[in-house]
Amino acid sequence: MTSRALILAHDPEFDPDGCPMRFRLTYEGRLEGNGSPRHKHEIRKALHPQLKRLWQVEPNLMRWRDYSKEPPLRNPTEAGERGRPVPQALAELYQRNGFSFVPLVTEQAMLSVGIDILFLRPQLPGGLIKSADIDNRLKTLFDGLRMPTSADELGGHTPAEGEEPFFVLLEDDRLISHLSVETDVLLEPTPSAKGRDLPNDARLVMTISLKPYFVTTGNLHFS
């Protein structure tokens, strides 16, 4: 058996190998094409604690998180208001439908993001690539990587314990500069599948690469 890889989007000026900041997010469980708003928010909930932890341990983010500058700036992604950590300023800026979101990649931050996905699923390698269903399943994933734009996209969810603020990767999935997907066989069902080979079962390892496309005082730590 051999895996299949496909580059779905690529900015020729974006080199993932040359990005100063790289990290991995994982997701395992149900991944449906044209997923419901509730399903998409379940993906956000699975990624939230990983991104929250990232802000606590990643050296670039730790410096950016606590960075303050005098005089105070209106744009929290540039420096944060004086004496206030950047996540707090972002959470106040991105209050939506009862949630306070902390997106890592925003238009204001002027960061380019690349996503390389290892996609394990029960079908034979390459089957997902050949199927039009890839667009629908990846769209569900990307919606789970970004902030919801309306209350309808929350599927009835409200913030749970530990979700104030709520960490997400993207303000908008339009900010993705590079995307590649490699598929292979899922040899062990995810815990939610309870030992069954379900067609929508998946285990994903996402390598995220970040770098500024325009260097400012606010994203200097990423350059």
Protein backbone atom coordinates (compact mmCIF):
# COMPACT_ATOMS: atom_id res chain seq x y z
CA MET A 1 0.00 0.00 0.00
CA THR A 2 1.23 3.47 -0.81
CA SER A 3 -0.09 6.82 0.35
CA ARG A 4 -1.14 9.63 -1.92
CA ALA A 5 -0.16 13.28 -1.55
CA LEU A 6 -1.67 16.25 -3.30
CA ILE A 7 -0.93 19.97 -3.09
CA LEU A 8 -4.29 21.71 -3.21
CA ALA A 9 -3.12 25.30 -2.85
CA HIS A 10 0.32 26.89 -2.98
CA ASP A 11 1.65 30.42 -3.00
CA PRO A 12 5.02 30.23 -4.81
CA GLU A 13 6.40 32.79 -2.36
CA PHE A 14 5.48 30.60 0.62
CA ASP A 15 8.08 27.99 1.62
CA PRO A 16 6.86 25.86 4.54
CA ASP A 17 10.40 24.62 5.20
CA GLY A 18 11.59 28.19 5.64
CA CYS A 19 8.99 29.14 8.24
CA PRO A 20 10.46 30.03 11.64
CA MET A 21 7.43 28.72 13.53
CA ARG A 22 5.96 25.23 13.00
CA PHE A 23 3.72 23.12 15.20
CA ARG A 24 1.24 20.25 14.90
CA LEU A 25 -2.44 19.93 15.67
CA THR A 26 -4.20 16.59 15.80
CA TYR A 27 -7.81 15.53 15.41
CA GLU A 28 -9.38 12.11 15.58
CA GLY A 29 -13.00 11.07 15.24
CA ARG A 30 -15.86 11.76 12.89
CA LEU A 31 -15.15 14.03 9.91
CA GLU A 32 -18.12 14.45 7.62
CA GLY A 33 -18.50 16.15 4.28
CA ASN A 34 -20.82 19.16 4.51
CA GLY A 35 -20.75 18.80 8.27
CA SER A 36 -23.42 20.41 10.38
CA PRO A 37 -22.64 23.56 12.41
CA ARG A 38 -22.69 21.45 15.57
CA HIS A 39 -20.17 19.00 14.08
CA LYS A 40 -17.85 21.82 13.02
CA HIS A 41 -17.90 23.31 16.48
CA GLU A 42 -17.07 19.91 17.94
CA ILE A 43 -13.88 20.08 15.85
CA ARG A 44 -13.16 23.55 17.26
CA LYS A 45 -13.66 22.17 20.77
CA ALA A 46 -11.15 19.37 20.08
CA LEU A 47 -8.53 21.85 18.86
CA HIS A 48 -9.11 24.57 21.47
CA PRO A 49 -7.08 22.96 24.31
CA GLN A 50 -4.17 22.27 21.95
CA LEU A 51 -4.03 25.89 20.81
CA LYS A 52 -4.45 27.14 24.36
CA ARG A 53 -1.46 25.02 25.38
CA LEU A 54 0.50 26.26 22.37
CA TRP A 55 0.19 29.87 23.60
CA GLN A 56 1.62 28.73 26.94
CA VAL A 57 4.66 26.78 25.74
CA GLU A 58 5.70 28.02 22.27
CA PRO A 59 8.58 30.51 22.74
CA ASN A 60 7.47 32.86 19.93
CA LEU A 61 3.94 33.01 21.29
CA MET A 62 5.10 33.36 24.89
CA ARG A 63 7.04 36.50 23.99
CA TRP A 64 4.21 37.87 21.86
CA ARG A 65 1.62 36.96 24.51
CA ASP A 66 3.25 39.08 27.22
CA TYR A 67 4.52 41.84 24.97
CA SER A 68 3.40 45.38 25.80
CA LYS A 69 4.53 48.66 24.38
CA GLU A 70 4.24 52.31 25.27
CA PRO A 71 2.24 54.17 24.14
CA PRO A 72 -0.70 51.72 23.95
CA LEU A 73 -1.69 50.66 20.44
CA ARG A 74 -5.22 50.17 19.22
CA ASN A 75 -4.28 47.04 17.32
CA PRO A 76 -3.80 44.23 19.87
CA THR A 77 -1.93 42.08 17.36
CA GLU A 78 0.81 44.71 17.11
CA ALA A 79 1.61 45.03 20.77
CA GLY A 80 -1.41 44.73 22.99
CA GLU A 81 -2.51 47.56 25.21
CA ARG A 82 -0.09 48.57 27.89
CA GLY A 83 0.18 45.94 30.59
CA ARG A 84 -2.29 43.56 28.95
CA PRO A 85 -1.39 40.22 27.32
CA VAL A 86 -2.18 39.85 23.64
CA PRO A 87 -4.67 36.94 24.10
CA GLN A 88 -6.77 39.10 26.42
CA ALA A 89 -6.80 41.96 23.92
CA LEU A 90 -7.71 39.57 21.10
CA ALA A 91 -10.48 37.98 23.16
CA GLU A 92 -12.04 41.38 23.74
CA LEU A 93 -11.72 42.29 20.08
CA TYR A 94 -13.24 39.02 18.78
CA GLN A 95 -16.31 38.67 20.99
CA ARG A 96 -18.92 36.81 18.95
CA ASN A 97 -22.24 35.25 19.96
CA GLY A 98 -21.38 34.74 23.60
CA PHE A 99 -17.80 33.58 22.91
CA SER A 100 -14.51 35.45 23.25
CA PHE A 101 -12.24 34.07 20.52
CA VAL A 102 -8.44 34.18 20.36
CA PRO A 103 -7.44 33.53 16.72
CA LEU A 104 -3.73 33.02 16.13
CA VAL A 105 -3.76 33.97 12.43
CA THR A 106 -5.57 37.21 11.62
CA GLU A 107 -5.45 39.78 8.87
CA GLN A 108 -4.08 42.31 11.34
CA ALA A 109 -1.20 40.02 12.30
CA MET A 110 -0.14 39.80 8.63
CA LEU A 111 0.87 36.15 8.93
CA SER A 112 0.97 33.59 6.14
CA VAL A 113 -0.08 30.08 7.13
CA GLY A 114 0.62 26.74 5.49
CA ILE A 115 -1.17 23.50 6.43
CA ASP A 116 0.16 20.04 5.54
CA ILE A 117 -2.29 17.29 6.49
CA LEU A 118 -1.69 13.59 7.01
CA PHE A 119 -5.22 12.20 6.58
CA LEU A 120 -5.78 8.62 7.78
CA ARG A 121 -9.16 7.02 6.99
CA PRO A 122 -10.52 3.50 6.49
CA GLN A 123 -10.52 3.63 2.68
CA LEU A 124 -7.58 2.52 0.51
CA PRO A 125 -4.82 5.11 -0.09
CA GLY A 126 -5.70 7.68 -2.70
CA GLY A 127 -9.40 6.99 -2.59
CA LEU A 128 -10.12 10.26 -0.88
CA ILE A 129 -8.05 12.18 -3.42
CA LYS A 130 -9.98 10.69 -6.32
CA SER A 131 -13.33 11.48 -4.76
CA ALA A 132 -15.06 14.84 -4.94
CA ASP A 133 -15.90 14.28 -1.28
CA ILE A 134 -12.45 15.60 -0.36
CA ASP A 135 -13.64 19.17 -0.92
CA ASN A 136 -16.60 18.71 1.39
CA ARG A 137 -14.65 16.99 4.17
CA LEU A 138 -11.81 19.50 4.04
CA LYS A 139 -14.31 22.37 4.05
CA THR A 140 -15.76 20.92 7.25
CA LEU A 141 -12.25 20.80 8.71
CA PHE A 142 -11.38 24.34 7.66
CA ASP A 143 -14.60 25.67 9.15
CA GLY A 144 -13.50 23.96 12.37
CA LEU A 145 -10.13 25.70 12.19
CA ARG A 146 -11.61 29.18 11.98
CA MET A 147 -13.86 31.42 14.03
CA PRO A 148 -17.59 31.07 13.32
CA THR A 149 -19.06 34.08 11.59
CA SER A 150 -22.54 33.86 13.12
CA ALA A 151 -24.47 32.22 15.94
CA ASP A 152 -25.86 29.72 13.42
CA GLU A 153 -22.35 28.29 12.96
CA LEU A 154 -22.12 27.33 16.64
CA GLY A 155 -24.78 24.64 16.40
CA GLY A 156 -26.33 25.69 19.69
CA HIS A 157 -23.06 25.49 21.63
CA THR A 158 -22.24 27.92 24.43
CA PRO A 159 -18.86 28.29 26.17
CA ALA A 160 -18.09 25.34 28.43
CA GLU A 161 -15.77 25.35 31.43
CA GLY A 162 -12.25 26.21 30.30
CA GLU A 163 -13.44 27.82 27.04
CA GLU A 164 -13.22 31.45 28.14
CA PRO A 165 -11.47 32.61 26.07
CA PHE A 166 -11.80 30.14 23.19
CA PHE A 167 -8.65 29.57 21.10
CA VAL A 168 -8.85 28.97 17.34
CA LEU A 169 -6.23 28.84 14.59
CA LEU A 170 -7.73 31.19 12.01
CA GLU A 171 -9.82 34.30 11.85
CA ASP A 172 -10.78 33.21 8.33
CA ASP A 173 -9.75 30.23 6.17
CA ARG A 174 -8.98 32.65 3.33
CA LEU A 175 -5.70 33.30 5.15
CA ILE A 176 -4.30 29.88 4.15
CA SER A 177 -1.41 30.30 1.68
CA HIS A 178 -0.38 26.66 1.31
CA LEU A 179 -2.31 23.42 1.63
CA SER A 180 -1.30 19.83 1.00
CA VAL A 181 -3.01 16.56 1.89
CA GLU A 182 -1.46 13.10 2.14
CA THR A 183 -3.84 10.16 2.57
CA ASP A 184 -3.24 6.72 4.00
CA VAL A 185 -5.15 3.88 5.61
CA LEU A 186 -6.47 4.21 9.15
CA LEU A 187 -5.39 0.87 10.64
CA GLU A 188 -6.89 1.47 14.08
CA PRO A 189 -10.35 3.05 14.47
CA THR A 190 -10.54 6.17 16.61
CA PRO A 191 -12.01 5.82 20.13
CA SER A 192 -15.32 7.36 19.08
CA ALA A 193 -15.76 4.63 16.43
CA LYS A 194 -15.76 1.97 19.18
CA GLY A 195 -13.90 -0.60 17.10
CA ARG A 196 -15.99 -0.14 13.95
CA ASP A 197 -14.69 0.78 10.50
CA LEU A 198 -16.85 3.83 9.88
CA PRO A 199 -16.50 5.61 6.52
CA ASN A 200 -16.31 9.05 8.13
CA ASP A 201 -13.77 8.02 10.78
CA ALA A 202 -10.47 9.91 10.52
CA ARG A 203 -7.23 10.63 12.29
CA LEU A 204 -5.49 13.85 11.18
CA VAL A 205 -2.03 15.23 11.88
CA MET A 206 -1.80 18.84 10.71
CA THR A 207 1.58 20.55 10.42
CA ILE A 208 1.06 24.32 10.68
CA SER A 209 3.73 26.70 9.35
CA LEU A 210 3.66 30.43 10.07
CA LYS A 211 5.64 33.41 8.89
CA PRO A 212 4.93 37.11 8.34
CA TYR A 213 4.18 38.25 4.80
CA PHE A 214 4.88 41.79 6.00
CA VAL A 215 7.07 42.29 9.06
CA THR A 216 5.76 44.66 11.74
CA THR A 217 6.56 45.22 15.41
CA GLY A 218 3.63 42.99 16.23
CA ASN A 219 4.77 39.92 14.27
CA LEU A 220 8.53 40.42 14.53
CA HIS A 221 8.78 37.36 16.78
CA PHE A 222 7.60 35.18 13.91
CA SER A 223 10.27 36.36 11.45
